[in-house]
Amino acid sequence: MLDQGETSQGSIYTMKRKLAALRALPHRRDGEAGQGLAEYALILAFIALVCILALQQFGAAIANSPGFTQLPSLL
C-alpha cells in the first residue's frame, strides 16, 4: 500500500534508504560476545594440562639423567 501522495518510485527509494541505513548499523552478536575469549581459555587450560602431565611423566627421568647429576660436580 502506498501512502497518500507517494508514488511507487518514491516508495522504492524510501525502502532503499531504509535498507542502506540498516546495513550501516553495527552488527550486534549478543550471544557471541565472550565466546572467543572462552574458547581461548579452554585451549590454554588444555595446553597447561598437557604440559603438567608431560612433566610428571618425564620429570623423574630428566632429574636423574647424567646431565643433571654429573654436570654440577664438573662446574
Protein backbone atom coordinates (compact mmCIF):
# COMPACT_ATOMS: atom_id res chain seq x y z
CA MET A 1 0.00 0.00 0.00
CA LEU A 2 1.25 3.45 -0.82
CA ASP A 3 0.92 6.44 1.46
CA GLN A 4 -1.14 9.32 0.25
CA GLY A 5 0.80 11.33 -2.33
CA GLU A 6 3.62 8.76 -2.59
CA THR A 7 4.40 7.16 -5.91
CA SER A 8 5.73 3.68 -6.43
CA GLN A 9 9.14 5.13 -7.35
CA GLY A 10 9.16 7.15 -4.13
CA SER A 11 8.36 4.10 -2.03
CA ILE A 12 11.17 2.14 -3.68
CA TYR A 13 13.57 4.98 -2.97
CA THR A 14 12.39 5.13 0.65
CA MET A 15 12.83 1.39 1.08
CA LYS A 16 16.32 1.53 -0.41
CA ARG A 17 17.26 4.33 2.00
CA LYS A 18 15.93 2.38 4.98
CA LEU A 19 17.74 -0.76 3.87
CA ALA A 20 21.01 1.17 3.47
CA ALA A 21 20.56 2.65 6.94
CA LEU A 22 20.03 -0.82 8.43
CA ARG A 23 23.14 -2.16 6.70
CA ALA A 24 25.19 0.72 8.07
CA LEU A 25 24.34 -0.19 11.66
CA PRO A 26 26.99 -2.18 13.51
CA HIS A 27 26.18 -5.86 13.68
CA ARG A 28 25.27 -6.99 17.16
CA ARG A 29 26.01 -10.53 18.18
CA ASP A 30 24.96 -10.53 21.81
CA GLY A 31 25.30 -14.28 22.26
CA GLU A 32 28.81 -14.40 20.81
CA ALA A 33 30.39 -11.52 22.72
CA GLY A 34 32.51 -13.63 25.09
CA GLN A 35 32.64 -16.81 23.05
CA GLY A 36 36.10 -16.18 21.59
CA LEU A 37 37.61 -15.48 24.98
CA ALA A 38 36.08 -18.63 26.44
CA GLU A 39 37.48 -20.72 23.58
CA TYR A 40 40.98 -19.31 24.11
CA ALA A 41 40.71 -20.02 27.84
CA LEU A 42 39.75 -23.64 27.13
CA ILE A 43 42.67 -24.07 24.73
CA LEU A 44 45.06 -22.55 27.25
CA ALA A 45 43.77 -24.85 30.00
CA PHE A 46 44.20 -27.88 27.74
CA ILE A 47 47.79 -26.89 26.87
CA ALA A 48 48.60 -26.36 30.56
CA LEU A 49 47.16 -29.79 31.41
CA VAL A 50 49.26 -31.46 28.71
CA CYS A 51 52.40 -29.71 29.98
CA ILE A 52 51.73 -30.77 33.58
CA LEU A 53 51.16 -34.38 32.54
CA ALA A 54 54.31 -34.40 30.41
CA LEU A 55 56.40 -33.02 33.28
CA GLN A 56 55.02 -35.65 35.63
CA GLN A 57 55.87 -38.40 33.18
CA PHE A 58 59.36 -37.23 32.25
CA GLY A 59 60.32 -35.23 35.34
CA ALA A 60 61.98 -38.03 37.28
CA ALA A 61 63.80 -39.34 34.20
CA ILE A 62 65.17 -35.88 33.42
CA ALA A 63 66.17 -35.17 37.03
CA ASN A 64 68.12 -38.44 37.25
CA SER A 65 69.80 -38.11 33.85
CA PRO A 66 73.63 -37.86 33.74
CA GLY A 67 73.44 -34.25 32.60
CA PHE A 68 71.81 -33.17 35.84
CA THR A 69 73.74 -35.46 38.17
CA GLN A 70 77.27 -35.07 36.76
CA LEU A 71 77.24 -31.52 35.46
CA PRO A 72 77.11 -29.74 38.87
CA SER A 73 80.23 -31.58 40.06
CA LEU A 74 82.10 -30.58 36.89
CA LEU A 75 81.36 -26.89 37.41
